[in-house]
PDB file of all heavy atoms in Angstrom:
ATOM      1  N   PHE A   1     -33.432-114.740 -22.762  1.00  0.00           N
ATOM      2  CA  PHE A   1     -34.668-114.652 -21.987  1.00  0.00           C
ATOM      3  C   PHE A   1     -35.679-115.689 -22.440  1.00  0.00           C
ATOM      4  O   PHE A   1     -36.284-116.387 -21.619  1.00  0.00           O
ATOM      5  CB  PHE A   1     -35.262-113.240 -22.092  1.00  0.00           C
ATOM      6  CG  PHE A   1     -36.511-113.062 -21.281  1.00  0.00           C
ATOM      7  CD1 PHE A   1     -36.433-112.911 -19.914  1.00  0.00           C
ATOM      8  CD2 PHE A   1     -37.754-113.062 -21.885  1.00  0.00           C
ATOM      9  CE1 PHE A   1     -37.575-112.750 -19.144  1.00  0.00           C
ATOM     10  CE2 PHE A   1     -38.904-112.913 -21.134  1.00  0.00           C
ATOM     11  CZ  PHE A   1     -38.824-112.751 -19.761  1.00  0.00           C
ATOM     12  N   VAL A   2     -35.865-115.814 -23.747  1.00  0.00           N
ATOM     13  CA  VAL A   2     -36.815-116.791 -24.277  1.00  0.00           C
ATOM     14  C   VAL A   2     -36.362-118.211 -23.942  1.00  0.00           C
ATOM     15  O   VAL A   2     -37.182-119.064 -23.594  1.00  0.00           O
ATOM     16  CB  VAL A   2     -37.009-116.604 -25.801  1.00  0.00           C
ATOM     17  CG1 VAL A   2     -37.796-117.747 -26.408  1.00  0.00           C
ATOM     18  CG2 VAL A   2     -37.706-115.282 -26.078  1.00  0.00           C
ATOM     19  N   ALA A   3     -35.077-118.475 -24.007  1.00  0.00           N
ATOM     20  CA  ALA A   3     -34.559-119.802 -23.662  1.00  0.00           C
ATOM     21  C   ALA A   3     -34.840-120.139 -22.201  1.00  0.00           C
ATOM     22  O   ALA A   3     -35.242-121.268 -21.880  1.00  0.00           O
ATOM     23  CB  ALA A   3     -33.064-119.881 -23.945  1.00  0.00           C
ATOM     24  N   VAL A   4     -34.659-119.179 -21.311  1.00  0.00           N
ATOM     25  CA  VAL A   4     -34.931-119.411 -19.887  1.00  0.00           C
ATOM     26  C   VAL A   4     -36.427-119.672 -19.661  1.00  0.00           C
ATOM     27  O   VAL A   4     -36.805-120.592 -18.935  1.00  0.00           O
ATOM     28  CB  VAL A   4     -34.440-118.215 -19.035  1.00  0.00           C
ATOM     29  CG1 VAL A   4     -34.978-118.287 -17.618  1.00  0.00           C
ATOM     30  CG2 VAL A   4     -32.925-118.161 -19.041  1.00  0.00           C
ATOM     31  N   VAL A   5     -37.269-118.878 -20.302  1.00  0.00           N
ATOM     32  CA  VAL A   5     -38.713-119.062 -20.146  1.00  0.00           C
ATOM     33  C   VAL A   5     -39.145-120.420 -20.705  1.00  0.00           C
ATOM     34  O   VAL A   5     -39.890-121.164 -20.050  1.00  0.00           O
ATOM     35  CB  VAL A   5     -39.490-117.913 -20.829  1.00  0.00           C
ATOM     36  CG1 VAL A   5     -40.974-118.226 -20.909  1.00  0.00           C
ATOM     37  CG2 VAL A   5     -39.254-116.612 -20.086  1.00  0.00           C
ATOM     38  N   LEU A   6     -38.675-120.764 -21.900  1.00  0.00           N
ATOM     39  CA  LEU A   6     -39.039-122.048 -22.490  1.00  0.00           C
ATOM     40  C   LEU A   6     -38.484-123.214 -21.683  1.00  0.00           C
ATOM     41  O   LEU A   6     -39.137-124.256 -21.548  1.00  0.00           O
ATOM     42  CB  LEU A   6     -38.554-122.136 -23.943  1.00  0.00           C
ATOM     43  CG  LEU A   6     -39.337-121.303 -24.950  1.00  0.00           C
ATOM     44  CD1 LEU A   6     -38.691-121.402 -26.329  1.00  0.00           C
ATOM     45  CD2 LEU A   6     -40.790-121.736 -25.011  1.00  0.00           C
ATOM     46  N   ARG A   7     -37.298-123.062 -21.145  1.00  0.00           N
ATOM     47  CA  ARG A   7     -36.719-124.121 -20.305  1.00  0.00           C
ATOM     48  C   ARG A   7     -37.566-124.324 -19.051  1.00  0.00           C
ATOM     49  O   ARG A   7     -37.804-125.454 -18.632  1.00  0.00           O
ATOM     50  CB  ARG A   7     -35.281-123.761 -19.934  1.00  0.00           C
ATOM     51  CG  ARG A   7     -34.601-124.778 -19.059  1.00  0.00           C
ATOM     52  CD  ARG A   7     -34.348-126.064 -19.820  1.00  0.00           C
ATOM     53  NE  ARG A   7     -33.663-126.985 -18.927  1.00  0.00           N
ATOM     54  CZ  ARG A   7     -34.029-128.245 -18.739  1.00  0.00           C
ATOM     55  NH1 ARG A   7     -35.032-128.739 -19.402  1.00  0.00           N
ATOM     56  NH2 ARG A   7     -33.363-129.003 -17.911  1.00  0.00           N
ATOM     57  N   GLY A   8     -38.021-123.241 -18.468  1.00  0.00           N
ATOM     58  CA  GLY A   8     -38.898-123.339 -17.309  1.00  0.00           C
ATOM     59  C   GLY A   8     -40.223-124.004 -17.642  1.00  0.00           C
ATOM     60  O   GLY A   8     -40.715-124.852 -16.891  1.00  0.00           O
ATOM     61  N   LEU A   9     -40.800-123.649 -18.777  1.00  0.00           N
ATOM     62  CA  LEU A   9     -42.050-124.280 -19.205  1.00  0.00           C
ATOM     63  C   LEU A   9     -41.840-125.756 -19.530  1.00  0.00           C
ATOM     64  O   LEU A   9     -42.720-126.577 -19.256  1.00  0.00           O
ATOM     65  CB  LEU A   9     -42.621-123.538 -20.411  1.00  0.00           C
ATOM     66  CG  LEU A   9     -43.174-122.143 -20.132  1.00  0.00           C
ATOM     67  CD1 LEU A   9     -43.524-121.435 -21.439  1.00  0.00           C
ATOM     68  CD2 LEU A   9     -44.385-122.212 -19.217  1.00  0.00           C
ATOM     69  N   ASP A  10     -40.691-126.089 -20.095  1.00  0.00           N
ATOM     70  CA  ASP A  10     -40.372-127.483 -20.366  1.00  0.00           C
ATOM     71  C   ASP A  10     -40.187-128.257 -19.062  1.00  0.00           C
ATOM     72  O   ASP A  10     -40.616-129.403 -18.936  1.00  0.00           O
ATOM     73  CB  ASP A  10     -39.101-127.568 -21.221  1.00  0.00           C
ATOM     74  CG  ASP A  10     -38.813-128.962 -21.728  1.00  0.00           C
ATOM     75  OD1 ASP A  10     -39.765-129.731 -21.947  1.00  0.00           O
ATOM     76  OD2 ASP A  10     -37.621-129.280 -21.920  1.00  0.00           O
ATOM     77  N   PHE A  11     -39.596-127.626 -18.074  1.00  0.00           N
ATOM     78  CA  PHE A  11     -39.363-128.265 -16.777  1.00  0.00           C
ATOM     79  C   PHE A  11     -40.667-128.633 -16.079  1.00  0.00           C
ATOM     80  O   PHE A  11     -40.786-129.702 -15.488  1.00  0.00           O
ATOM     81  CB  PHE A  11     -38.525-127.338 -15.889  1.00  0.00           C
ATOM     82  CG  PHE A  11     -38.214-127.908 -14.543  1.00  0.00           C
ATOM     83  CD1 PHE A  11     -37.286-128.933 -14.406  1.00  0.00           C
ATOM     84  CD2 PHE A  11     -38.847-127.430 -13.409  1.00  0.00           C
ATOM     85  CE1 PHE A  11     -36.997-129.469 -13.168  1.00  0.00           C
ATOM     86  CE2 PHE A  11     -38.567-127.959 -12.163  1.00  0.00           C
ATOM     87  CZ  PHE A  11     -37.635-128.980 -12.042  1.00  0.00           C
ATOM     88  N   VAL A  12     -41.648-127.740 -16.153  1.00  0.00           N
ATOM     89  CA  VAL A  12     -42.931-128.016 -15.503  1.00  0.00           C
ATOM     90  C   VAL A  12     -43.868-128.832 -16.389  1.00  0.00           C
ATOM     91  O   VAL A  12     -44.956-129.198 -15.968  1.00  0.00           O
ATOM     92  CB  VAL A  12     -43.639-126.724 -15.034  1.00  0.00           C
ATOM     93  CG1 VAL A  12     -42.805-125.997 -14.014  1.00  0.00           C
ATOM     94  CG2 VAL A  12     -43.998-125.841 -16.193  1.00  0.00           C
ATOM     95  N   GLY A  13     -43.460-129.097 -17.618  1.00  0.00           N
ATOM     96  CA  GLY A  13     -44.249-129.928 -18.517  1.00  0.00           C
ATOM     97  C   GLY A  13     -45.340-129.201 -19.279  1.00  0.00           C
ATOM     98  O   GLY A  13     -46.224-129.830 -19.856  1.00  0.00           O
ATOM     99  N   ALA A  14     -45.293-127.886 -19.289  1.00  0.00           N
ATOM    100  CA  ALA A  14     -46.324-127.111 -19.972  1.00  0.00           C
ATOM    101  C   ALA A  14     -46.067-126.980 -21.477  1.00  0.00           C
ATOM    102  O   ALA A  14     -47.009-126.894 -22.263  1.00  0.00           O
ATOM    103  CB  ALA A  14     -46.436-125.730 -19.354  1.00  0.00           C
ATOM    104  N   LEU A  15     -44.801-126.968 -21.877  1.00  0.00           N
ATOM    105  CA  LEU A  15     -44.452-126.733 -23.275  1.00  0.00           C
ATOM    106  C   LEU A  15     -43.062-127.287 -23.532  1.00  0.00           C
ATOM    107  O   LEU A  15     -42.178-127.157 -22.687  1.00  0.00           O
ATOM    108  CB  LEU A  15     -44.468-125.224 -23.548  1.00  0.00           C
ATOM    109  CG  LEU A  15     -44.467-124.710 -24.966  1.00  0.00           C
ATOM    110  CD1 LEU A  15     -45.763-125.102 -25.672  1.00  0.00           C
ATOM    111  CD2 LEU A  15     -44.340-123.202 -24.984  1.00  0.00           C
ATOM    112  N   ASP A  16     -42.873-127.920 -24.669  1.00  0.00           N
ATOM    113  CA  ASP A  16     -41.554-128.461 -25.006  1.00  0.00           C
ATOM    114  C   ASP A  16     -40.644-127.365 -25.543  1.00  0.00           C
ATOM    115  O   ASP A  16     -41.081-126.470 -26.258  1.00  0.00           O
ATOM    116  CB  ASP A  16     -41.666-129.561 -26.059  1.00  0.00           C
ATOM    117  CG  ASP A  16     -42.320-130.819 -25.508  1.00  0.00           C
ATOM    118  OD1 ASP A  16     -42.220-131.036 -24.292  1.00  0.00           O
ATOM    119  OD2 ASP A  16     -42.923-131.557 -26.297  1.00  0.00           O
ATOM    120  N   LEU A  17     -39.376-127.458 -25.200  1.00  0.00           N
ATOM    121  CA  LEU A  17     -38.364-126.538 -25.709  1.00  0.00           C
ATOM    122  C   LEU A  17     -37.864-127.067 -27.043  1.00  0.00           C
ATOM    123  O   LEU A  17     -37.251-128.127 -27.116  1.00  0.00           O
ATOM    124  CB  LEU A  17     -37.196-126.415 -24.727  1.00  0.00           C
ATOM    125  CG  LEU A  17     -35.967-125.631 -25.182  1.00  0.00           C
ATOM    126  CD1 LEU A  17     -36.346-124.198 -25.500  1.00  0.00           C
ATOM    127  CD2 LEU A  17     -34.899-125.662 -24.124  1.00  0.00           C
ATOM    128  N   THR A  18     -38.183-126.339 -28.121  1.00  0.00           N
ATOM    129  CA  THR A  18     -37.725-126.717 -29.459  1.00  0.00           C
ATOM    130  C   THR A  18     -37.060-125.512 -30.107  1.00  0.00           C
ATOM    131  O   THR A  18     -37.307-124.361 -29.724  1.00  0.00           O
ATOM    132  CB  THR A  18     -38.898-127.191 -30.342  1.00  0.00           C
ATOM    133  OG1 THR A  18     -39.819-126.117 -30.514  1.00  0.00           O
ATOM    134  CG2 THR A  18     -39.610-128.397 -29.738  1.00  0.00           C
ATOM    135  N   ILE A  19     -36.239-125.782 -31.082  1.00  0.00           N
ATOM    136  CA  ILE A  19     -35.539-124.709 -31.798  1.00  0.00           C
ATOM    137  C   ILE A  19     -36.517-123.762 -32.506  1.00  0.00           C
ATOM    138  O   ILE A  19     -36.362-122.538 -32.418  1.00  0.00           O
ATOM    139  CB  ILE A  19     -34.496-125.293 -32.786  1.00  0.00           C
ATOM    140  CG1 ILE A  19     -33.422-126.069 -32.026  1.00  0.00           C
ATOM    141  CG2 ILE A  19     -33.868-124.197 -33.637  1.00  0.00           C
ATOM    142  CD1 ILE A  19     -32.608-125.236 -31.061  1.00  0.00           C
ATOM    143  N   PRO A  20     -37.528-124.280 -33.220  1.00  0.00           N
ATOM    144  CA  PRO A  20     -38.465-123.331 -33.859  1.00  0.00           C
ATOM    145  C   PRO A  20     -39.177-122.418 -32.865  1.00  0.00           C
ATOM    146  O   PRO A  20     -39.363-121.230 -33.136  1.00  0.00           O
ATOM    147  CB  PRO A  20     -39.469-124.247 -34.561  1.00  0.00           C
ATOM    148  CG  PRO A  20     -38.723-125.508 -34.818  1.00  0.00           C
ATOM    149  CD  PRO A  20     -37.802-125.657 -33.645  1.00  0.00           C
ATOM    150  N   ARG A  21     -39.549-122.946 -31.708  1.00  0.00           N
ATOM    151  CA  ARG A  21     -40.179-122.100 -30.691  1.00  0.00           C
ATOM    152  C   ARG A  21     -39.196-121.059 -30.173  1.00  0.00           C
ATOM    153  O   ARG A  21     -39.576-119.917 -29.905  1.00  0.00           O
ATOM    154  CB  ARG A  21     -40.692-122.944 -29.533  1.00  0.00           C
ATOM    155  CG  ARG A  21     -41.956-123.655 -29.853  1.00  0.00           C
ATOM    156  CD  ARG A  21     -42.561-124.301 -28.633  1.00  0.00           C
ATOM    157  NE  ARG A  21     -43.801-124.933 -29.010  1.00  0.00           N
ATOM    158  CZ  ARG A  21     -44.158-126.146 -28.655  1.00  0.00           C
ATOM    159  NH1 ARG A  21     -43.382-126.851 -27.857  1.00  0.00           N
ATOM    160  NH2 ARG A  21     -45.296-126.660 -29.069  1.00  0.00           N
ATOM    161  N   LEU A  22     -37.948-121.448 -30.013  1.00  0.00           N
ATOM    162  CA  LEU A  22     -36.929-120.511 -29.567  1.00  0.00           C
ATOM    163  C   LEU A  22     -36.734-119.390 -30.585  1.00  0.00           C
ATOM    164  O   LEU A  22     -36.667-118.217 -30.223  1.00  0.00           O
ATOM    165  CB  LEU A  22     -35.607-121.236 -29.316  1.00  0.00           C
ATOM    166  CG  LEU A  22     -34.443-120.383 -28.838  1.00  0.00           C
ATOM    167  CD1 LEU A  22     -34.730-119.804 -27.462  1.00  0.00           C
ATOM    168  CD2 LEU A  22     -33.166-121.187 -28.814  1.00  0.00           C
ATOM    169  N   VAL A  23     -36.674-119.746 -31.851  1.00  0.00           N
ATOM    170  CA  VAL A  23     -36.478-118.748 -32.914  1.00  0.00           C
ATOM    171  C   VAL A  23     -37.675-117.803 -33.005  1.00  0.00           C
ATOM    172  O   VAL A  23     -37.515-116.580 -33.040  1.00  0.00           O
ATOM    173  CB  VAL A  23     -36.217-119.444 -34.269  1.00  0.00           C
ATOM    174  CG1 VAL A  23     -36.258-118.455 -35.408  1.00  0.00           C
ATOM    175  CG2 VAL A  23     -34.891-120.183 -34.248  1.00  0.00           C
ATOM    176  N   VAL A  24     -38.888-118.368 -33.013  1.00  0.00           N
ATOM    177  CA  VAL A  24     -40.091-117.531 -33.118  1.00  0.00           C
ATOM    178  C   VAL A  24     -40.227-116.640 -31.888  1.00  0.00           C
ATOM    179  O   VAL A  24     -40.534-115.444 -32.012  1.00  0.00           O
ATOM    180  CB  VAL A  24     -41.348-118.415 -33.314  1.00  0.00           C
ATOM    181  CG1 VAL A  24     -42.619-117.600 -33.164  1.00  0.00           C
ATOM    182  CG2 VAL A  24     -41.310-119.096 -34.670  1.00  0.00           C
ATOM    183  N   GLY A  25     -39.990-117.188 -30.720  1.00  0.00           N
ATOM    184  CA  GLY A  25     -40.065-116.394 -29.500  1.00  0.00           C
ATOM    185  C   GLY A  25     -39.037-115.276 -29.473  1.00  0.00           C
ATOM    186  O   GLY A  25     -39.337-114.151 -29.063  1.00  0.00           O
ATOM    187  N   THR A  26     -37.827-115.582 -29.922  1.00  0.00           N
ATOM    188  CA  THR A  26     -36.774-114.570 -29.958  1.00  0.00           C
ATOM    189  C   THR A  26     -37.131-113.445 -30.923  1.00  0.00           C
ATOM    190  O   THR A  26     -36.998-112.260 -30.590  1.00  0.00           O
ATOM    191  CB  THR A  26     -35.429-115.205 -30.361  1.00  0.00           C
ATOM    192  OG1 THR A  26     -35.088-116.205 -29.403  1.00  0.00           O
ATOM    193  CG2 THR A  26     -34.331-114.163 -30.440  1.00  0.00           C
ATOM    194  N   LEU A  27     -37.592-113.802 -32.105  1.00  0.00           N
ATOM    195  CA  LEU A  27     -37.970-112.766 -33.080  1.00  0.00           C
ATOM    196  C   LEU A  27     -39.143-111.928 -32.589  1.00  0.00           C
ATOM    197  O   LEU A  27     -39.154-110.711 -32.770  1.00  0.00           O
ATOM    198  CB  LEU A  27     -38.294-113.413 -34.431  1.00  0.00           C
ATOM    199  CG  LEU A  27     -37.110-114.041 -35.156  1.00  0.00           C
ATOM    200  CD1 LEU A  27     -37.584-114.732 -36.435  1.00  0.00           C
ATOM    201  CD2 LEU A  27     -36.045-113.017 -35.467  1.00  0.00           C
ATOM    202  N   ALA A  28     -40.117-112.579 -31.948  1.00  0.00           N
ATOM    203  CA  ALA A  28     -41.265-111.846 -31.417  1.00  0.00           C
ATOM    204  C   ALA A  28     -40.830-110.880 -30.317  1.00  0.00           C
ATOM    205  O   ALA A  28     -41.271-109.728 -30.281  1.00  0.00           O
ATOM    206  CB  ALA A  28     -42.311-112.822 -30.892  1.00  0.00           C
ATOM    207  N   LEU A  29     -39.964-111.345 -29.430  1.00  0.00           N
ATOM    208  CA  LEU A  29     -39.489-110.471 -28.348  1.00  0.00           C
ATOM    209  C   LEU A  29     -38.623-109.335 -28.896  1.00  0.00           C
ATOM    210  O   LEU A  29     -38.709-108.199 -28.412  1.00  0.00           O
ATOM    211  CB  LEU A  29     -38.722-111.278 -27.302  1.00  0.00           C
ATOM    212  CG  LEU A  29     -38.323-110.525 -26.045  1.00  0.00           C
ATOM    213  CD1 LEU A  29     -39.541-109.931 -25.344  1.00  0.00           C
ATOM    214  CD2 LEU A  29     -37.563-111.447 -25.115  1.00  0.00           C
ATOM    215  N   MET A  30     -37.818-109.624 -29.905  1.00  0.00           N
ATOM    216  CA  MET A  30     -37.007-108.561 -30.527  1.00  0.00           C
ATOM    217  C   MET A  30     -37.909-107.498 -31.145  1.00  0.00           C
ATOM    218  O   MET A  30     -37.654-106.299 -30.995  1.00  0.00           O
ATOM    219  CB  MET A  30     -36.077-109.146 -31.595  1.00  0.00           C
ATOM    220  CG  MET A  30     -34.886-109.874 -31.053  1.00  0.00           C
ATOM    221  SD  MET A  30     -33.843-110.524 -32.360  1.00  0.00           S
ATOM    222  CE  MET A  30     -33.188-109.018 -33.065  1.00  0.00           C
TER     223      MET A  30
END
């Protein structure tokens, strides 16, 4: 879920998809 959201934000140019953001987002959502 976090990967899809970050990919969408990266697509529109709002936020870059990076591994640390993916990890932090995943842990926060968990």
